[in-house]
Amino acid sequence: GAWPGALRELESVYPHHVRLEALTMDLFSRHPMGQTQVHPFGPQRGFAAVQLQLPYSHLWLVAAHACPRHWYGAEGFEQRIRMLEDGIPVALTQLKGPVLVLGDFNASVWSPAYKSMIRRSHLTDARRGFGLLFTQHGNTFPANLLWRPIDHCFYTSECVPCQIWTGPDLGSDHRPLVVD
């Protein structure tokens, strides 16, 4: 509940902002945002595709937040699998130009749904060559000792990140991925 108010100060650096209530997601950018497509998968989860208007071209940004495996029961688990295996790969076929896909996928690099999404969407994991970059841990013992790589950044061949690293602790059970 406190996130929307706390994020307002970002608007001075990232003046282009869209709030996607259906996904409880905020997107901030230095560049104007064009067309926006929202794809819900489960309660307050899914992904959005936003076209960023860059100075000499455009870039599709796909921001994702999948249902966690242990929340919303079997239905949430099924929604996450559908989003990763079908939703994202099908949506990408409709986007023309470079695409950057990022977010909380609630799936590790060892997950069958993660592997299926990579295979079907022809995306490349930005972690390649930079290590696992663990981003999430539990809040209580012993889960707080177990870190997992469940936040990801992927790209199409027209858009290649040069560097990716794990950002600082910002008060969440996830650490952010920073992509250059």
Protein backbone atom coordinates (compact mmCIF):
# COMPACT_ATOMS: atom_id res chain seq x y z
CA GLY A 1 0.00 0.00 0.00
CA ALA A 2 2.85 2.44 0.67
CA TRP A 3 4.60 1.89 -2.68
CA PRO A 4 2.51 4.22 -4.91
CA GLY A 5 3.10 7.23 -2.65
CA ALA A 6 6.76 6.44 -2.14
CA LEU A 7 7.30 6.10 -5.89
CA ARG A 8 5.97 9.59 -6.68
CA GLU A 9 9.39 11.13 -6.11
CA LEU A 10 10.65 9.13 -9.11
CA GLU A 11 8.53 11.31 -11.40
CA SER A 12 11.11 14.13 -11.28
CA VAL A 13 13.73 11.85 -12.87
CA TYR A 14 11.32 9.64 -14.86
CA PRO A 15 8.55 12.04 -15.95
CA HIS A 16 6.61 9.51 -18.04
CA HIS A 17 4.54 7.29 -15.78
CA VAL A 18 1.70 4.85 -16.15
CA ARG A 19 -0.14 3.13 -13.29
CA LEU A 20 -1.62 -0.25 -14.24
CA GLU A 21 -4.16 -0.90 -11.49
CA ALA A 22 -5.17 -4.32 -12.85
CA LEU A 23 -1.59 -5.52 -12.31
CA THR A 24 -0.71 -3.33 -9.28
CA MET A 25 2.21 -2.12 -11.37
CA ASP A 26 3.79 1.27 -12.02
CA LEU A 27 6.06 1.95 -15.00
CA PHE A 28 8.36 4.98 -15.07
CA SER A 29 10.44 6.17 -18.02
CA ARG A 30 12.64 9.03 -19.18
CA HIS A 31 11.10 8.55 -22.62
CA PRO A 32 7.48 9.09 -23.70
CA MET A 33 5.27 6.00 -23.67
CA GLY A 34 3.12 5.15 -26.63
CA GLN A 35 0.83 2.18 -27.05
CA THR A 36 0.17 0.09 -23.90
CA GLN A 37 -1.22 -3.45 -23.84
CA VAL A 38 -2.26 -5.11 -20.57
CA HIS A 39 -2.36 -8.92 -20.32
CA PRO A 40 -3.81 -10.12 -16.97
CA PHE A 41 -3.03 -13.64 -15.74
CA GLY A 42 -4.56 -14.28 -12.33
CA PRO A 43 -5.52 -11.85 -9.57
CA GLN A 44 -3.44 -8.66 -9.93
CA ARG A 45 -0.78 -10.47 -11.94
CA GLY A 46 0.22 -10.58 -15.59
CA PHE A 47 2.28 -8.44 -17.89
CA ALA A 48 2.10 -5.21 -19.86
CA ALA A 49 3.77 -4.21 -23.13
CA VAL A 50 4.58 -0.51 -23.47
CA GLN A 51 6.14 1.12 -26.49
CA LEU A 52 8.84 3.60 -25.45
CA GLN A 53 9.45 6.44 -27.92
CA LEU A 54 13.24 6.82 -28.06
CA PRO A 55 14.90 9.76 -29.87
CA TYR A 56 15.55 7.84 -33.13
CA SER A 57 13.55 4.64 -32.72
CA HIS A 58 11.22 2.80 -30.37
CA LEU A 59 11.61 -0.03 -27.87
CA TRP A 60 8.94 -2.37 -26.55
CA LEU A 61 9.22 -2.87 -22.82
CA VAL A 62 7.34 -5.88 -21.45
CA ALA A 63 6.98 -5.68 -17.65
CA ALA A 64 5.88 -8.90 -15.95
CA HIS A 65 4.70 -10.00 -12.51
CA ALA A 66 3.67 -13.65 -12.39
CA CYS A 67 1.67 -15.38 -9.65
CA PRO A 68 3.96 -16.93 -7.05
CA ARG A 69 3.80 -20.70 -6.88
CA HIS A 70 2.58 -20.77 -3.27
CA TRP A 71 0.00 -17.94 -3.48
CA TYR A 72 -3.47 -18.24 -4.99
CA GLY A 73 -3.29 -22.04 -4.84
CA ALA A 74 -3.41 -24.31 -7.87
CA GLU A 75 -5.24 -21.66 -9.93
CA GLY A 76 -2.44 -19.11 -9.41
CA PHE A 77 0.17 -21.74 -10.25
CA GLU A 78 -1.70 -22.57 -13.48
CA GLN A 79 -1.99 -18.87 -14.38
CA ARG A 80 1.79 -18.45 -13.96
CA ILE A 81 2.46 -21.42 -16.24
CA ARG A 82 0.00 -20.10 -18.88
CA MET A 83 1.56 -16.64 -18.76
CA LEU A 84 5.11 -17.93 -19.19
CA GLU A 85 4.49 -20.74 -21.66
CA ASP A 86 1.80 -19.13 -23.83
CA GLY A 87 0.99 -15.52 -22.90
CA ILE A 88 4.40 -13.89 -23.28
CA PRO A 89 5.54 -15.88 -26.36
CA VAL A 90 2.26 -15.18 -28.21
CA ALA A 91 2.27 -11.46 -27.29
CA LEU A 92 5.85 -11.08 -28.54
CA THR A 93 4.84 -12.24 -32.02
CA GLN A 94 2.64 -9.11 -32.26
CA LEU A 95 5.39 -6.63 -31.31
CA LYS A 96 7.53 -5.19 -34.09
CA GLY A 97 11.03 -3.97 -33.27
CA PRO A 98 13.38 -4.44 -30.31
CA VAL A 99 11.89 -5.89 -27.11
CA LEU A 100 13.13 -5.92 -23.53
CA VAL A 101 11.18 -8.24 -21.18
CA LEU A 102 11.72 -7.90 -17.44
CA GLY A 103 10.13 -8.40 -14.08
CA ASP A 104 9.26 -10.82 -11.30
CA PHE A 105 8.53 -14.14 -13.01
CA ASN A 106 8.35 -16.14 -9.77
CA ALA A 107 10.18 -18.89 -11.66
CA SER A 108 13.84 -19.80 -11.41
CA VAL A 109 16.12 -20.58 -14.32
CA TRP A 110 15.55 -24.27 -13.54
CA SER A 111 11.75 -24.10 -13.86
CA PRO A 112 10.15 -26.00 -16.76
CA ALA A 113 7.87 -22.99 -17.44
CA TYR A 114 10.90 -20.66 -17.62
CA LYS A 115 12.65 -23.02 -20.06
CA SER A 116 9.51 -23.33 -22.19
CA MET A 117 9.10 -19.55 -22.35
CA ILE A 118 12.71 -19.08 -23.51
CA ARG A 119 12.34 -21.78 -26.16
CA ARG A 120 8.97 -20.58 -27.50
CA SER A 121 9.71 -16.84 -27.44
CA HIS A 122 13.29 -16.97 -28.80
CA LEU A 123 14.38 -14.54 -26.06
CA THR A 124 17.89 -14.41 -24.61
CA ASP A 125 18.44 -14.19 -20.85
CA ALA A 126 20.46 -11.05 -20.03
CA ARG A 127 22.15 -13.00 -17.19
CA ARG A 128 24.13 -14.98 -19.77
CA GLY A 129 27.77 -14.36 -18.92
CA PHE A 130 26.99 -12.47 -15.68
CA GLY A 131 26.14 -15.34 -13.28
CA LEU A 132 22.90 -16.34 -11.58
CA LEU A 133 22.26 -12.98 -9.85
CA PHE A 134 20.05 -14.16 -6.99
CA THR A 135 17.22 -11.71 -6.33
CA GLN A 136 14.74 -13.19 -3.84
CA HIS A 137 14.73 -14.72 -0.37
CA GLY A 138 12.13 -15.57 2.21
CA ASN A 139 11.37 -13.35 5.18
CA THR A 140 11.62 -15.96 7.95
CA PHE A 141 14.11 -18.65 8.94
CA PRO A 142 15.18 -20.85 7.17
CA ALA A 143 13.78 -19.33 3.93
CA ASN A 144 15.74 -16.12 4.54
CA LEU A 145 18.94 -18.15 3.95
CA LEU A 146 17.83 -19.41 0.54
CA TRP A 147 18.26 -16.98 -2.36
CA ARG A 148 16.70 -17.66 -5.77
CA PRO A 149 17.02 -16.05 -9.23
CA ILE A 150 13.31 -15.38 -9.96
CA ASP A 151 13.51 -11.82 -11.32
CA HIS A 152 14.69 -11.76 -14.92
CA CYS A 153 15.54 -9.63 -17.94
CA PHE A 154 15.31 -11.00 -21.48
CA TYR A 155 15.85 -9.41 -24.86
CA THR A 156 15.38 -9.89 -28.59
CA SER A 157 18.34 -9.78 -30.95
CA GLU A 158 17.74 -6.09 -31.85
CA CYS A 159 18.25 -4.97 -28.23
CA VAL A 160 21.28 -6.28 -26.36
CA PRO A 161 21.98 -5.20 -22.76
CA CYS A 162 25.71 -4.70 -22.12
CA GLN A 163 25.61 -5.23 -18.36
CA ILE A 164 23.29 -6.59 -15.67
CA TRP A 165 23.76 -6.75 -11.90
CA THR A 166 21.79 -7.10 -8.67
CA GLY A 167 20.90 -3.77 -7.11
CA PRO A 168 20.78 -2.81 -3.43
CA ASP A 169 18.22 -3.91 -0.86
CA LEU A 170 15.28 -1.47 -1.12
CA GLY A 171 13.13 -2.99 1.62
CA SER A 172 11.48 -5.78 -0.38
CA ASP A 173 12.06 -9.53 -0.26
CA HIS A 174 13.42 -9.05 -3.81
CA ARG A 175 16.55 -7.21 -4.87
CA PRO A 176 16.26 -5.32 -8.15
CA LEU A 177 18.02 -6.23 -11.35
CA VAL A 178 19.81 -3.26 -12.88
CA VAL A 179 20.27 -3.43 -16.66
CA ASP A 180 22.42 -1.18 -18.84
